[in-house]
Amino acid sequence: MTDHPNAIKLDPGAALTDESVEVARIWITNNAGSNVLIDAGILEDPTVFGYLLADTIRHAARAYAGTWGIAEDAALRDQVTTITTIQEGTLN
């Protein structure tokens, strides 16, 4: 995919190598829902994918805490206790 102007820039210190692969990409559009792209062929074990999602939730809590000045545990608690599917989608 060509870089989108609103794509998150990679951290210059990210430990990416020629063997690194992108597993998921998430986009939102105001009033139009979300677009979640997952390459399920990358990780054969769904348990490992679950660990990756759990790690992503922890990173999101840290990001929200730092960005909005709230406690990390509060951000994590809000994520975990209010998770719902906001839209049904199609498989990519």
PDB file of N, CA and C in Angstrom:
ATOM      1  N   MET A   1       0.838  -1.181   0.000  1.00  0.00           N
ATOM      2  CA  MET A   1       0.000   0.000   0.000  1.00  0.00           C
ATOM      3  C   MET A   1       0.879   1.238   0.000  1.00  0.00           C
ATOM      4  N   THR A   2       0.531   2.174  -0.821  1.00  0.00           N
ATOM      5  CA  THR A   2       1.232   3.447  -0.827  1.00  0.00           C
ATOM      6  C   THR A   2       0.938   4.170   0.476  1.00  0.00           C
ATOM      7  N   ASP A   3       1.923   4.878   0.992  1.00  0.00           N
ATOM      8  CA  ASP A   3       1.710   5.589   2.250  1.00  0.00           C
ATOM      9  C   ASP A   3       0.574   6.587   2.108  1.00  0.00           C
ATOM     10  N   HIS A   4      -0.355   6.518   3.020  1.00  0.00           N
ATOM     11  CA  HIS A   4      -1.477   7.449   3.088  1.00  0.00           C
ATOM     12  C   HIS A   4      -0.998   8.676   3.850  1.00  0.00           C
ATOM     13  N   PRO A   5      -1.475   9.868   3.506  1.00  0.00           N
ATOM     14  CA  PRO A   5      -0.997  11.059   4.216  1.00  0.00           C
ATOM     15  C   PRO A   5      -1.311  11.056   5.710  1.00  0.00           C
ATOM     16  N   ASN A   6      -2.303  10.274   6.132  1.00  0.00           N
ATOM     17  CA  ASN A   6      -2.649  10.211   7.553  1.00  0.00           C
ATOM     18  C   ASN A   6      -2.120   8.959   8.240  1.00  0.00           C
ATOM     19  N   ALA A   7      -1.255   8.219   7.571  1.00  0.00           N
ATOM     20  CA  ALA A   7      -0.683   7.007   8.171  1.00  0.00           C
ATOM     21  C   ALA A   7       0.210   7.387   9.349  1.00  0.00           C
ATOM     22  N   ILE A   8       0.245   6.528  10.347  1.00  0.00           N
ATOM     23  CA  ILE A   8       1.123   6.742  11.496  1.00  0.00           C
ATOM     24  C   ILE A   8       2.566   6.552  11.027  1.00  0.00           C
ATOM     25  N   LYS A   9       3.397   7.498  11.354  1.00  0.00           N
ATOM     26  CA  LYS A   9       4.805   7.406  10.973  1.00  0.00           C
ATOM     27  C   LYS A   9       5.500   6.400  11.881  1.00  0.00           C
ATOM     28  N   LEU A  10       6.364   5.597  11.307  1.00  0.00           N
ATOM     29  CA  LEU A  10       7.114   4.627  12.100  1.00  0.00           C
ATOM     30  C   LEU A  10       8.140   5.348  12.962  1.00  0.00           C
ATOM     31  N   ASP A  11       8.288   4.879  14.181  1.00  0.00           N
ATOM     32  CA  ASP A  11       9.286   5.401  15.099  1.00  0.00           C
ATOM     33  C   ASP A  11      10.657   5.052  14.530  1.00  0.00           C
ATOM     34  N   PRO A  12      11.551   6.041  14.388  1.00  0.00           N
ATOM     35  CA  PRO A  12      12.878   5.744  13.847  1.00  0.00           C
ATOM     36  C   PRO A  12      13.636   4.699  14.662  1.00  0.00           C
ATOM     37  N   GLY A  13      13.275   4.536  15.938  1.00  0.00           N
ATOM     38  CA  GLY A  13      13.944   3.565  16.789  1.00  0.00           C
ATOM     39  C   GLY A  13      13.289   2.192  16.769  1.00  0.00           C
ATOM     40  N   ALA A  14      12.228   2.034  15.963  1.00  0.00           N
ATOM     41  CA  ALA A  14      11.537   0.740  15.907  1.00  0.00           C
ATOM     42  C   ALA A  14      12.495  -0.324  15.390  1.00  0.00           C
ATOM     43  N   ALA A  15      12.482  -1.471  16.054  1.00  0.00           N
ATOM     44  CA  ALA A  15      13.400  -2.563  15.701  1.00  0.00           C
ATOM     45  C   ALA A  15      12.827  -3.384  14.550  1.00  0.00           C
ATOM     46  N   LEU A  16      12.733  -2.777  13.370  1.00  0.00           N
ATOM     47  CA  LEU A  16      12.228  -3.478  12.194  1.00  0.00           C
ATOM     48  C   LEU A  16      13.396  -3.933  11.331  1.00  0.00           C
ATOM     49  N   THR A  17      13.272  -5.132  10.800  1.00  0.00           N
ATOM     50  CA  THR A  17      14.305  -5.680   9.925  1.00  0.00           C
ATOM     51  C   THR A  17      13.659  -6.109   8.614  1.00  0.00           C
ATOM     52  N   ASP A  18      14.446  -6.667   7.717  1.00  0.00           N
ATOM     53  CA  ASP A  18      13.912  -7.189   6.459  1.00  0.00           C
ATOM     54  C   ASP A  18      12.958  -8.355   6.696  1.00  0.00           C
ATOM     55  N   GLU A  19      13.016  -8.965   7.892  1.00  0.00           N
ATOM     56  CA  GLU A  19      12.131 -10.079   8.215  1.00  0.00           C
ATOM     57  C   GLU A  19      10.849  -9.623   8.914  1.00  0.00           C
ATOM     58  N   SER A  20      10.713  -8.333   9.214  1.00  0.00           N
ATOM     59  CA  SER A  20       9.509  -7.811   9.863  1.00  0.00           C
ATOM     60  C   SER A  20       8.357  -7.789   8.862  1.00  0.00           C
ATOM     61  N   VAL A  21       7.150  -8.103   9.342  1.00  0.00           N
ATOM     62  CA  VAL A  21       5.959  -8.064   8.490  1.00  0.00           C
ATOM     63  C   VAL A  21       4.825  -7.362   9.234  1.00  0.00           C
ATOM     64  N   GLU A  22       3.990  -6.695   8.484  1.00  0.00           N
ATOM     65  CA  GLU A  22       2.817  -6.045   9.059  1.00  0.00           C
ATOM     66  C   GLU A  22       1.715  -7.088   9.190  1.00  0.00           C
ATOM     67  N   VAL A  23       1.078  -7.140  10.358  1.00  0.00           N
ATOM     68  CA  VAL A  23       0.043  -8.134  10.634  1.00  0.00           C
ATOM     69  C   VAL A  23      -1.347  -7.510  10.541  1.00  0.00           C
ATOM     70  N   ALA A  24      -1.486  -6.271  10.991  1.00  0.00           N
ATOM     71  CA  ALA A  24      -2.801  -5.631  11.005  1.00  0.00           C
ATOM     72  C   ALA A  24      -2.665  -4.137  10.742  1.00  0.00           C
ATOM     73  N   ARG A  25      -3.728  -3.586  10.214  1.00  0.00           N
ATOM     74  CA  ARG A  25      -3.808  -2.150   9.974  1.00  0.00           C
ATOM     75  C   ARG A  25      -5.239  -1.730  10.302  1.00  0.00           C
ATOM     76  N   ILE A  26      -5.406  -0.637  11.022  1.00  0.00           N
ATOM     77  CA  ILE A  26      -6.730  -0.183  11.433  1.00  0.00           C
ATOM     78  C   ILE A  26      -6.903   1.280  11.021  1.00  0.00           C
ATOM     79  N   TRP A  27      -8.000   1.558  10.333  1.00  0.00           N
ATOM     80  CA  TRP A  27      -8.321   2.917   9.917  1.00  0.00           C
ATOM     81  C   TRP A  27      -9.725   3.264  10.397  1.00  0.00           C
ATOM     82  N   ILE A  28      -9.943   4.522  10.738  1.00  0.00           N
ATOM     83  CA  ILE A  28     -11.289   4.998  11.037  1.00  0.00           C
ATOM     84  C   ILE A  28     -11.589   6.187  10.137  1.00  0.00           C
ATOM     85  N   THR A  29     -12.862   6.364   9.835  1.00  0.00           N
ATOM     86  CA  THR A  29     -13.327   7.510   9.068  1.00  0.00           C
ATOM     87  C   THR A  29     -14.530   8.069   9.808  1.00  0.00           C
ATOM     88  N   ASN A  30     -14.530   9.357  10.082  1.00  0.00           N
ATOM     89  CA  ASN A  30     -15.636   9.963  10.826  1.00  0.00           C
ATOM     90  C   ASN A  30     -16.972   9.594  10.211  1.00  0.00           C
ATOM     91  N   ASN A  31     -17.866   9.103  11.039  1.00  0.00           N
ATOM     92  CA  ASN A  31     -19.229   8.734  10.658  1.00  0.00           C
ATOM     93  C   ASN A  31     -19.298   7.623   9.618  1.00  0.00           C
ATOM     94  N   ALA A  32     -18.210   6.922   9.388  1.00  0.00           N
ATOM     95  CA  ALA A  32     -18.232   5.843   8.397  1.00  0.00           C
ATOM     96  C   ALA A  32     -17.688   4.537   8.958  1.00  0.00           C
ATOM     97  N   GLY A  33     -17.412   4.480  10.250  1.00  0.00           N
ATOM     98  CA  GLY A  33     -16.949   3.236  10.851  1.00  0.00           C
ATOM     99  C   GLY A  33     -15.457   3.024  10.720  1.00  0.00           C
ATOM    100  N   SER A  34     -15.078   1.765  10.831  1.00  0.00           N
ATOM    101  CA  SER A  34     -13.661   1.423  10.817  1.00  0.00           C
ATOM    102  C   SER A  34     -13.364   0.437   9.701  1.00  0.00           C
ATOM    103  N   ASN A  35     -12.096   0.347   9.386  1.00  0.00           N
ATOM    104  CA  ASN A  35     -11.615  -0.593   8.391  1.00  0.00           C
ATOM    105  C   ASN A  35     -10.435  -1.315   9.032  1.00  0.00           C
ATOM    106  N   VAL A  36     -10.606  -2.598   9.311  1.00  0.00           N
ATOM    107  CA  VAL A  36      -9.574  -3.395   9.968  1.00  0.00           C
ATOM    108  C   VAL A  36      -9.078  -4.433   8.978  1.00  0.00           C
ATOM    109  N   LEU A  37      -7.805  -4.384   8.686  1.00  0.00           N
ATOM    110  CA  LEU A  37      -7.191  -5.321   7.750  1.00  0.00           C
ATOM    111  C   LEU A  37      -6.236  -6.220   8.522  1.00  0.00           C
ATOM    112  N   ILE A  38      -6.419  -7.527   8.395  1.00  0.00           N
ATOM    113  CA  ILE A  38      -5.588  -8.492   9.114  1.00  0.00           C
ATOM    114  C   ILE A  38      -5.067  -9.517   8.122  1.00  0.00           C
ATOM    115  N   ASP A  39      -3.772  -9.748   8.141  1.00  0.00           N
ATOM    116  CA  ASP A  39      -3.180 -10.809   7.325  1.00  0.00           C
ATOM    117  C   ASP A  39      -3.049 -12.042   8.210  1.00  0.00           C
ATOM    118  N   ALA A  40      -4.107 -12.853   8.238  1.00  0.00           N
ATOM    119  CA  ALA A  40      -4.145 -14.026   9.117  1.00  0.00           C
ATOM    120  C   ALA A  40      -3.121 -15.081   8.722  1.00  0.00           C
ATOM    121  N   GLY A  41      -2.585 -15.014   7.529  1.00  0.00           N
ATOM    122  CA  GLY A  41      -1.592 -15.981   7.093  1.00  0.00           C
ATOM    123  C   GLY A  41      -0.230 -15.789   7.732  1.00  0.00           C
ATOM    124  N   ILE A  42      -0.017 -14.653   8.365  1.00  0.00           N
ATOM    125  CA  ILE A  42       1.280 -14.365   8.985  1.00  0.00           C
ATOM    126  C   ILE A  42       1.485 -15.198  10.243  1.00  0.00           C
ATOM    127  N   LEU A  43       0.454 -15.286  11.078  1.00  0.00           N
ATOM    128  CA  LEU A  43       0.555 -16.019  12.340  1.00  0.00           C
ATOM    129  C   LEU A  43      -0.360 -17.236  12.281  1.00  0.00           C
ATOM    130  N   GLU A  44       0.225 -18.416  12.227  1.00  0.00           N
ATOM    131  CA  GLU A  44      -0.567 -19.636  12.098  1.00  0.00           C
ATOM    132  C   GLU A  44      -1.331 -19.985  13.361  1.00  0.00           C
ATOM    133  N   ASP A  45      -0.830 -19.599  14.526  1.00  0.00           N
ATOM    134  CA  ASP A  45      -1.452 -19.953  15.797  1.00  0.00           C
ATOM    135  C   ASP A  45      -2.335 -18.803  16.276  1.00  0.00           C
ATOM    136  N   PRO A  46      -3.657 -19.006  16.371  1.00  0.00           N
ATOM    137  CA  PRO A  46      -4.529 -17.924  16.819  1.00  0.00           C
ATOM    138  C   PRO A  46      -4.231 -17.471  18.246  1.00  0.00           C
ATOM    139  N   THR A  47      -3.631 -18.333  19.053  1.00  0.00           N
ATOM    140  CA  THR A  47      -3.257 -17.939  20.414  1.00  0.00           C
ATOM    141  C   THR A  47      -2.200 -16.839  20.368  1.00  0.00           C
ATOM    142  N   VAL A  48      -1.235 -16.973  19.474  1.00  0.00           N
ATOM    143  CA  VAL A  48      -0.193 -15.952  19.331  1.00  0.00           C
ATOM    144  C   VAL A  48      -0.822 -14.640  18.869  1.00  0.00           C
ATOM    145  N   PHE A  49      -1.802 -14.731  17.969  1.00  0.00           N
ATOM    146  CA  PHE A  49      -2.490 -13.521  17.520  1.00  0.00           C
ATOM    147  C   PHE A  49      -3.228 -12.875  18.696  1.00  0.00           C
ATOM    148  N   GLY A  50      -3.821 -13.685  19.567  1.00  0.00           N
ATOM    149  CA  GLY A  50      -4.479 -13.166  20.769  1.00  0.00           C
ATOM    150  C   GLY A  50      -3.500 -12.443  21.677  1.00  0.00           C
ATOM    151  N   TYR A  51      -2.295 -13.004  21.849  1.00  0.00           N
ATOM    152  CA  TYR A  51      -1.261 -12.328  22.647  1.00  0.00           C
ATOM    153  C   TYR A  51      -0.916 -10.974  22.027  1.00  0.00           C
ATOM    154  N   LEU A  52      -0.816 -10.945  20.708  1.00  0.00           N
ATOM    155  CA  LEU A  52      -0.502  -9.705  20.006  1.00  0.00           C
ATOM    156  C   LEU A  52      -1.594  -8.661  20.246  1.00  0.00           C
ATOM    157  N   LEU A  53      -2.851  -9.080  20.199  1.00  0.00           N
ATOM    158  CA  LEU A  53      -3.949  -8.147  20.458  1.00  0.00           C
ATOM    159  C   LEU A  53      -3.922  -7.641  21.900  1.00  0.00           C
ATOM    160  N   ALA A  54      -3.645  -8.534  22.848  1.00  0.00           N
ATOM    161  CA  ALA A  54      -3.553  -8.118  24.251  1.00  0.00           C
ATOM    162  C   ALA A  54      -2.421  -7.105  24.432  1.00  0.00           C
ATOM    163  N   ASP A  55      -1.294  -7.338  23.777  1.00  0.00           N
ATOM    164  CA  ASP A  55      -0.170  -6.411  23.841  1.00  0.00           C
ATOM    165  C   ASP A  55      -0.559  -5.069  23.219  1.00  0.00           C
ATOM    166  N   THR A  56      -1.333  -5.117  22.140  1.00  0.00           N
ATOM    167  CA  THR A  56      -1.799  -3.898  21.478  1.00  0.00           C
ATOM    168  C   THR A  56      -2.695  -3.084  22.409  1.00  0.00           C
ATOM    169  N   ILE A  57      -3.564  -3.758  23.158  1.00  0.00           N
ATOM    170  CA  ILE A  57      -4.437  -3.065  24.108  1.00  0.00           C
ATOM    171  C   ILE A  57      -3.606  -2.377  25.187  1.00  0.00           C
ATOM    172  N   ARG A  58      -2.565  -3.034  25.673  1.00  0.00           N
ATOM    173  CA  ARG A  58      -1.682  -2.426  26.677  1.00  0.00           C
ATOM    174  C   ARG A  58      -0.975  -1.199  26.091  1.00  0.00           C
ATOM    175  N   HIS A  59      -0.486  -1.308  24.860  1.00  0.00           N
ATOM    176  CA  HIS A  59       0.156  -0.153  24.220  1.00  0.00           C
ATOM    177  C   HIS A  59      -0.836   0.997  24.046  1.00  0.00           C
ATOM    178  N   ALA A  60      -2.080   0.671  23.703  1.00  0.00           N
ATOM    179  CA  ALA A  60      -3.105   1.707  23.552  1.00  0.00           C
ATOM    180  C   ALA A  60      -3.350   2.414  24.879  1.00  0.00           C
ATOM    181  N   ALA A  61      -3.398   1.665  25.968  1.00  0.00           N
ATOM    182  CA  ALA A  61      -3.592   2.275  27.291  1.00  0.00           C
ATOM    183  C   ALA A  61      -2.447   3.232  27.608  1.00  0.00           C
ATOM    184  N   ARG A  62      -1.232   2.828  27.304  1.00  0.00           N
ATOM    185  CA  ARG A  62      -0.074   3.705  27.550  1.00  0.00           C
ATOM    186  C   ARG A  62      -0.144   4.952  26.681  1.00  0.00           C
ATOM    187  N   ALA A  63      -0.543   4.779  25.426  1.00  0.00           N
ATOM    188  CA  ALA A  63      -0.650   5.921  24.516  1.00  0.00           C
ATOM    189  C   ALA A  63      -1.718   6.902  24.997  1.00  0.00           C
ATOM    190  N   TYR A  64      -2.885   6.391  25.385  1.00  0.00           N
ATOM    191  CA  TYR A  64      -3.946   7.263  25.894  1.00  0.00           C
ATOM    192  C   TYR A  64      -3.519   7.961  27.175  1.00  0.00           C
ATOM    193  N   ALA A  65      -2.872   7.238  28.059  1.00  0.00           N
ATOM    194  CA  ALA A  65      -2.416   7.830  29.316  1.00  0.00           C
ATOM    195  C   ALA A  65      -1.465   8.992  29.046  1.00  0.00           C
ATOM    196  N   GLY A  66      -0.512   8.782  28.151  1.00  0.00           N
ATOM    197  CA  GLY A  66       0.454   9.826  27.847  1.00  0.00           C
ATOM    198  C   GLY A  66      -0.136  10.992  27.075  1.00  0.00           C
ATOM    199  N   THR A  67      -1.061  10.703  26.179  1.00  0.00           N
ATOM    200  CA  THR A  67      -1.644  11.748  25.341  1.00  0.00           C
ATOM    201  C   THR A  67      -2.669  12.592  26.083  1.00  0.00           C
ATOM    202  N   TRP A  68      -3.503  11.945  26.877  1.00  0.00           N
ATOM    203  CA  TRP A  68      -4.626  12.637  27.514  1.00  0.00           C
ATOM    204  C   TRP A  68      -4.436  12.864  29.008  1.00  0.00           C
ATOM    205  N   GLY A  69      -3.276  12.504  29.555  1.00  0.00           N
ATOM    206  CA  GLY A  69      -2.991  12.777  30.960  1.00  0.00           C
ATOM    207  C   GLY A  69      -3.881  12.017  31.933  1.00  0.00           C
ATOM    208  N   ILE A  70      -4.216  10.776  31.581  1.00  0.00           N
ATOM    209  CA  ILE A  70      -4.992   9.943  32.492  1.00  0.00           C
ATOM    210  C   ILE A  70      -4.118   8.786  32.947  1.00  0.00           C
ATOM    211  N   ALA A  71      -4.531   8.132  34.000  1.00  0.00           N
ATOM    212  CA  ALA A  71      -3.758   7.005  34.512  1.00  0.00           C
ATOM    213  C   ALA A  71      -3.839   5.832  33.539  1.00  0.00           C
ATOM    214  N   GLU A  72      -2.718   5.150  33.358  1.00  0.00           N
ATOM    215  CA  GLU A  72      -2.680   4.008  32.443  1.00  0.00           C
ATOM    216  C   GLU A  72      -3.678   2.930  32.850  1.00  0.00           C
ATOM    217  N   ASP A  73      -3.775   2.657  34.151  1.00  0.00           N
ATOM    218  CA  ASP A  73      -4.710   1.616  34.580  1.00  0.00           C
ATOM    219  C   ASP A  73      -6.161   2.012  34.305  1.00  0.00           C
ATOM    220  N   ALA A  74      -6.470   3.307  34.377  1.00  0.00           N
ATOM    221  CA  ALA A  74      -7.826   3.766  34.058  1.00  0.00           C
ATOM    222  C   ALA A  74      -8.106   3.598  32.567  1.00  0.00           C
ATOM    223  N   ALA A  75      -7.135   3.932  31.731  1.00  0.00           N
ATOM    224  CA  ALA A  75      -7.309   3.759  30.288  1.00  0.00           C
ATOM    225  C   ALA A  75      -7.471   2.288  29.940  1.00  0.00           C
ATOM    226  N   LEU A  76      -6.691   1.439  30.576  1.00  0.00           N
ATOM    227  CA  LEU A  76      -6.784   0.000  30.329  1.00  0.00           C
ATOM    228  C   LEU A  76      -8.133  -0.531  30.807  1.00  0.00           C
ATOM    229  N   ARG A  77      -8.552  -0.113  31.972  1.00  0.00           N
ATOM    230  CA  ARG A  77      -9.838  -0.566  32.516  1.00  0.00           C
ATOM    231  C   ARG A  77     -10.979  -0.136  31.593  1.00  0.00           C
ATOM    232  N   ASP A  78     -10.944   1.098  31.096  1.00  0.00           N
ATOM    233  CA  ASP A  78     -11.996   1.572  30.198  1.00  0.00           C
ATOM    234  C   ASP A  78     -12.034   0.752  28.915  1.00  0.00           C
ATOM    235  N   GLN A  79     -10.872   0.353  28.413  1.00  0.00           N
ATOM    236  CA  GLN A  79     -10.834  -0.462  27.199  1.00  0.00           C
ATOM    237  C   GLN A  79     -11.405  -1.848  27.453  1.00  0.00           C
ATOM    238  N   VAL A  80     -10.987  -2.460  28.531  1.00  0.00           N
ATOM    239  CA  VAL A  80     -11.344  -3.852  28.791  1.00  0.00           C
ATOM    240  C   VAL A  80     -12.805  -4.002  29.192  1.00  0.00           C
ATOM    241  N   THR A  81     -13.351  -3.046  29.913  1.00  0.00           N
ATOM    242  CA  THR A  81     -14.728  -3.199  30.383  1.00  0.00           C
ATOM    243  C   THR A  81     -15.765  -2.712  29.388  1.00  0.00           C
ATOM    244  N   THR A  82     -15.346  -2.037  28.331  1.00  0.00           N
ATOM    245  CA  THR A  82     -16.323  -1.496  27.385  1.00  0.00           C
ATOM    246  C   THR A  82     -16.101  -1.979  25.956  1.00  0.00           C
ATOM    247  N   ILE A  83     -15.392  -3.072  25.774  1.00  0.00           N
ATOM    248  CA  ILE A  83     -15.143  -3.556  24.422  1.00  0.00           C
ATOM    249  C   ILE A  83     -16.430  -4.110  23.822  1.00  0.00           C
ATOM    250  N   THR A  84     -16.827  -3.543  22.714  1.00  0.00           N
ATOM    251  CA  THR A  84     -17.962  -4.049  21.946  1.00  0.00           C
ATOM    252  C   THR A  84     -17.630  -3.921  20.471  1.00  0.00           C
ATOM    253  N   THR A  85     -18.285  -4.710  19.663  1.00  0.00           N
ATOM    254  CA  THR A  85     -18.118  -4.594  18.218  1.00  0.00           C
ATOM    255  C   THR A  85     -18.937  -3.404  17.758  1.00  0.00           C
ATOM    256  N   ILE A  86     -18.324  -2.482  17.041  1.00  0.00           N
ATOM    257  CA  ILE A  86     -19.064  -1.308  16.605  1.00  0.00           C
ATOM    258  C   ILE A  86     -19.700  -1.493  15.239  1.00  0.00           C
ATOM    259  N   GLN A  87     -19.243  -2.469  14.504  1.00  0.00           N
ATOM    260  CA  GLN A  87     -19.863  -2.737  13.206  1.00  0.00           C
ATOM    261  C   GLN A  87     -19.510  -4.138  12.770  1.00  0.00           C
ATOM    262  N   GLU A  88     -20.385  -4.727  12.014  1.00  0.00           N
ATOM    263  CA  GLU A  88     -20.074  -6.001  11.389  1.00  0.00           C
ATOM    264  C   GLU A  88     -19.315  -5.686  10.114  1.00  0.00           C
ATOM    265  N   GLY A  89     -18.376  -6.506   9.779  1.00  0.00           N
ATOM    266  CA  GLY A  89     -17.586  -6.238   8.591  1.00  0.00           C
ATOM    267  C   GLY A  89     -17.510  -7.449   7.696  1.00  0.00           C
ATOM    268  N   THR A  90     -16.713  -7.320   6.679  1.00  0.00           N
ATOM    269  CA  THR A  90     -16.469  -8.428   5.774  1.00  0.00           C
ATOM    270  C   THR A  90     -15.036  -8.869   5.948  1.00  0.00           C
ATOM    271  N   LEU A  91     -14.778 -10.101   5.638  1.00  0.00           N
ATOM    272  CA  LEU A  91     -13.410 -10.598   5.723  1.00  0.00           C
ATOM    273  C   LEU A  91     -12.620 -10.097   4.540  1.00  0.00           C
ATOM    274  N   ASN A  92     -11.368  -9.736   4.801  1.00  0.00           N
ATOM    275  CA  ASN A  92     -10.513  -9.289   3.711  1.00  0.00           C
ATOM    276  C   ASN A  92      -9.580 -10.385   3.309  1.00  0.00           C
TER     277      ASN A  92
END
